Amino acid sequence: MSDLNDLSKAIAEVPEEPLLPIEKKLIAGSLTLGIVLLVGLGIVNHFLPIATV
């Protein structure tokens, strides 16, 4: 258990670093792409629903 305590102390001592501008752009791009694909899937599902048996 000593190793876990040492690890948690070491992690707590690491200062937080702000996100880089490219990281912010990647996050925004991923969220935008996810929302666009989700809306696109909803539209496709609306016009081409799966046929029920």
N, C-alpha and C. Protein backbone atom coordinates (compact mmCIF):
# COMPACT_ATOMS: atom_id res chain seq x y z
N MET A 1 0.82 -1.20 0.00
CA MET A 1 0.00 0.00 0.00
C MET A 1 0.85 1.25 0.00
N SER A 2 2.09 1.11 0.42
CA SER A 2 2.98 2.26 0.48
C SER A 2 3.18 2.86 -0.92
N ASP A 3 3.26 1.96 -1.91
CA ASP A 3 3.44 2.45 -3.28
C ASP A 3 2.26 3.29 -3.74
N LEU A 4 1.05 2.86 -3.36
CA LEU A 4 -0.13 3.62 -3.75
C LEU A 4 -0.15 4.98 -3.07
N ASN A 5 0.25 5.03 -1.82
CA ASN A 5 0.30 6.31 -1.12
C ASN A 5 1.34 7.24 -1.75
N ASP A 6 2.50 6.68 -2.07
CA ASP A 6 3.54 7.48 -2.72
C ASP A 6 3.07 8.00 -4.08
N LEU A 7 2.38 7.14 -4.81
CA LEU A 7 1.89 7.54 -6.13
C LEU A 7 0.84 8.64 -6.02
N SER A 8 -0.08 8.49 -5.08
CA SER A 8 -1.12 9.52 -4.94
C SER A 8 -0.52 10.85 -4.49
N LYS A 9 0.50 10.79 -3.64
CA LYS A 9 1.17 12.03 -3.22
C LYS A 9 1.90 12.67 -4.40
N ALA A 10 2.56 11.85 -5.20
CA ALA A 10 3.30 12.37 -6.35
C ALA A 10 2.34 13.01 -7.36
N ILE A 11 1.20 12.37 -7.58
CA ILE A 11 0.22 12.92 -8.52
C ILE A 11 -0.35 14.22 -7.98
N ALA A 12 -0.58 14.29 -6.67
CA ALA A 12 -1.15 15.50 -6.07
C ALA A 12 -0.18 16.68 -6.15
N GLU A 13 1.11 16.39 -6.17
CA GLU A 13 2.11 17.45 -6.19
C GLU A 13 2.37 18.01 -7.60
N VAL A 14 1.91 17.31 -8.63
CA VAL A 14 2.15 17.78 -10.00
C VAL A 14 1.24 18.98 -10.27
N PRO A 15 1.81 20.10 -10.69
CA PRO A 15 0.97 21.27 -10.96
C PRO A 15 0.13 21.06 -12.22
N GLU A 16 -1.06 21.66 -12.22
CA GLU A 16 -1.93 21.56 -13.38
C GLU A 16 -1.38 22.44 -14.50
N GLU A 17 -1.47 21.93 -15.71
CA GLU A 17 -1.02 22.68 -16.87
C GLU A 17 -2.22 23.06 -17.70
N PRO A 18 -2.27 24.28 -18.21
CA PRO A 18 -3.40 24.67 -19.06
C PRO A 18 -3.34 23.94 -20.40
N LEU A 19 -4.50 23.82 -21.03
CA LEU A 19 -4.54 23.18 -22.34
C LEU A 19 -3.87 24.08 -23.37
N LEU A 20 -3.17 23.45 -24.29
CA LEU A 20 -2.56 24.17 -25.39
C LEU A 20 -3.66 24.56 -26.39
N PRO A 21 -3.43 25.61 -27.18
CA PRO A 21 -4.44 26.01 -28.17
C PRO A 21 -4.80 24.88 -29.14
N ILE A 22 -3.83 24.09 -29.55
CA ILE A 22 -4.13 23.00 -30.48
C ILE A 22 -4.99 21.94 -29.80
N GLU A 23 -4.79 21.73 -28.50
CA GLU A 23 -5.62 20.77 -27.78
C GLU A 23 -7.06 21.25 -27.68
N LYS A 24 -7.23 22.56 -27.48
CA LYS A 24 -8.58 23.13 -27.44
C LYS A 24 -9.26 22.96 -28.79
N LYS A 25 -8.50 23.17 -29.87
CA LYS A 25 -9.07 23.02 -31.22
C LYS A 25 -9.44 21.57 -31.49
N LEU A 26 -8.61 20.64 -31.04
CA LEU A 26 -8.91 19.22 -31.24
C LEU A 26 -10.15 18.80 -30.46
N ILE A 27 -10.29 19.29 -29.24
CA ILE A 27 -11.48 18.98 -28.44
C ILE A 27 -12.72 19.55 -29.10
N ALA A 28 -12.66 20.81 -29.52
CA ALA A 28 -13.81 21.44 -30.17
C ALA A 28 -14.16 20.72 -31.47
N GLY A 29 -13.14 20.35 -32.23
CA GLY A 29 -13.38 19.64 -33.48
C GLY A 29 -14.01 18.28 -33.26
N SER A 30 -13.56 17.57 -32.25
CA SER A 30 -14.13 16.26 -31.95
C SER A 30 -15.58 16.37 -31.51
N LEU A 31 -15.88 17.35 -30.65
CA LEU A 31 -17.26 17.54 -30.22
C LEU A 31 -18.15 17.94 -31.39
N THR A 32 -17.66 18.83 -32.23
CA THR A 32 -18.43 19.27 -33.40
C THR A 32 -18.69 18.10 -34.34
N LEU A 33 -17.67 17.32 -34.62
CA LEU A 33 -17.83 16.17 -35.50
C LEU A 33 -18.83 15.18 -34.92
N GLY A 34 -18.76 14.93 -33.62
CA GLY A 34 -19.69 14.01 -32.98
C GLY A 34 -21.13 14.48 -33.09
N ILE A 35 -21.35 15.77 -32.85
CA ILE A 35 -22.71 16.32 -32.93
C ILE A 35 -23.22 16.27 -34.37
N VAL A 36 -22.37 16.64 -35.33
CA VAL A 36 -22.77 16.62 -36.74
C VAL A 36 -23.13 15.20 -37.17
N LEU A 37 -22.31 14.22 -36.79
CA LEU A 37 -22.59 12.84 -37.16
C LEU A 37 -23.87 12.32 -36.48
N LEU A 38 -24.10 12.72 -35.24
CA LEU A 38 -25.31 12.31 -34.53
C LEU A 38 -26.55 12.89 -35.20
N VAL A 39 -26.50 14.17 -35.57
CA VAL A 39 -27.62 14.80 -36.27
C VAL A 39 -27.82 14.13 -37.63
N GLY A 40 -26.73 13.87 -38.33
CA GLY A 40 -26.82 13.20 -39.63
C GLY A 40 -27.45 11.82 -39.51
N LEU A 41 -27.08 11.08 -38.50
CA LEU A 41 -27.67 9.75 -38.28
C LEU A 41 -29.15 9.87 -37.98
N GLY A 42 -29.52 10.89 -37.20
CA GLY A 42 -30.94 11.10 -36.92
C GLY A 42 -31.74 11.41 -38.17
N ILE A 43 -31.17 12.23 -39.05
CA ILE A 43 -31.85 12.57 -40.30
C ILE A 43 -31.98 11.33 -41.19
N VAL A 44 -30.91 10.57 -41.31
CA VAL A 44 -30.95 9.35 -42.13
C VAL A 44 -31.98 8.38 -41.55
N ASN A 45 -32.02 8.25 -40.23
CA ASN A 45 -32.97 7.34 -39.59
C ASN A 45 -34.40 7.82 -39.80
N HIS A 46 -34.59 9.13 -39.88
CA HIS A 46 -35.94 9.67 -40.08
C HIS A 46 -36.45 9.34 -41.49
N PHE A 47 -35.60 9.49 -42.48
CA PHE A 47 -36.01 9.28 -43.87
C PHE A 47 -35.87 7.83 -44.33
N LEU A 48 -34.98 7.07 -43.72
CA LEU A 48 -34.79 5.66 -44.07
C LEU A 48 -34.85 4.79 -42.83
N PRO A 49 -36.03 4.66 -42.24
CA PRO A 49 -36.12 3.86 -41.00
C PRO A 49 -35.89 2.38 -41.29
N ILE A 50 -35.49 1.67 -40.29
CA ILE A 50 -35.29 0.21 -40.43
C ILE A 50 -36.67 -0.43 -40.49
N ALA A 51 -36.87 -1.29 -41.49
CA ALA A 51 -38.16 -1.94 -41.67
C ALA A 51 -38.37 -2.96 -40.54
N THR A 52 -39.53 -2.88 -39.91
CA THR A 52 -39.86 -3.85 -38.86
C THR A 52 -40.56 -5.04 -39.48
N VAL A 53 -40.29 -6.19 -38.91
CA VAL A 53 -40.84 -7.45 -39.46
C VAL A 53 -42.17 -7.74 -38.85
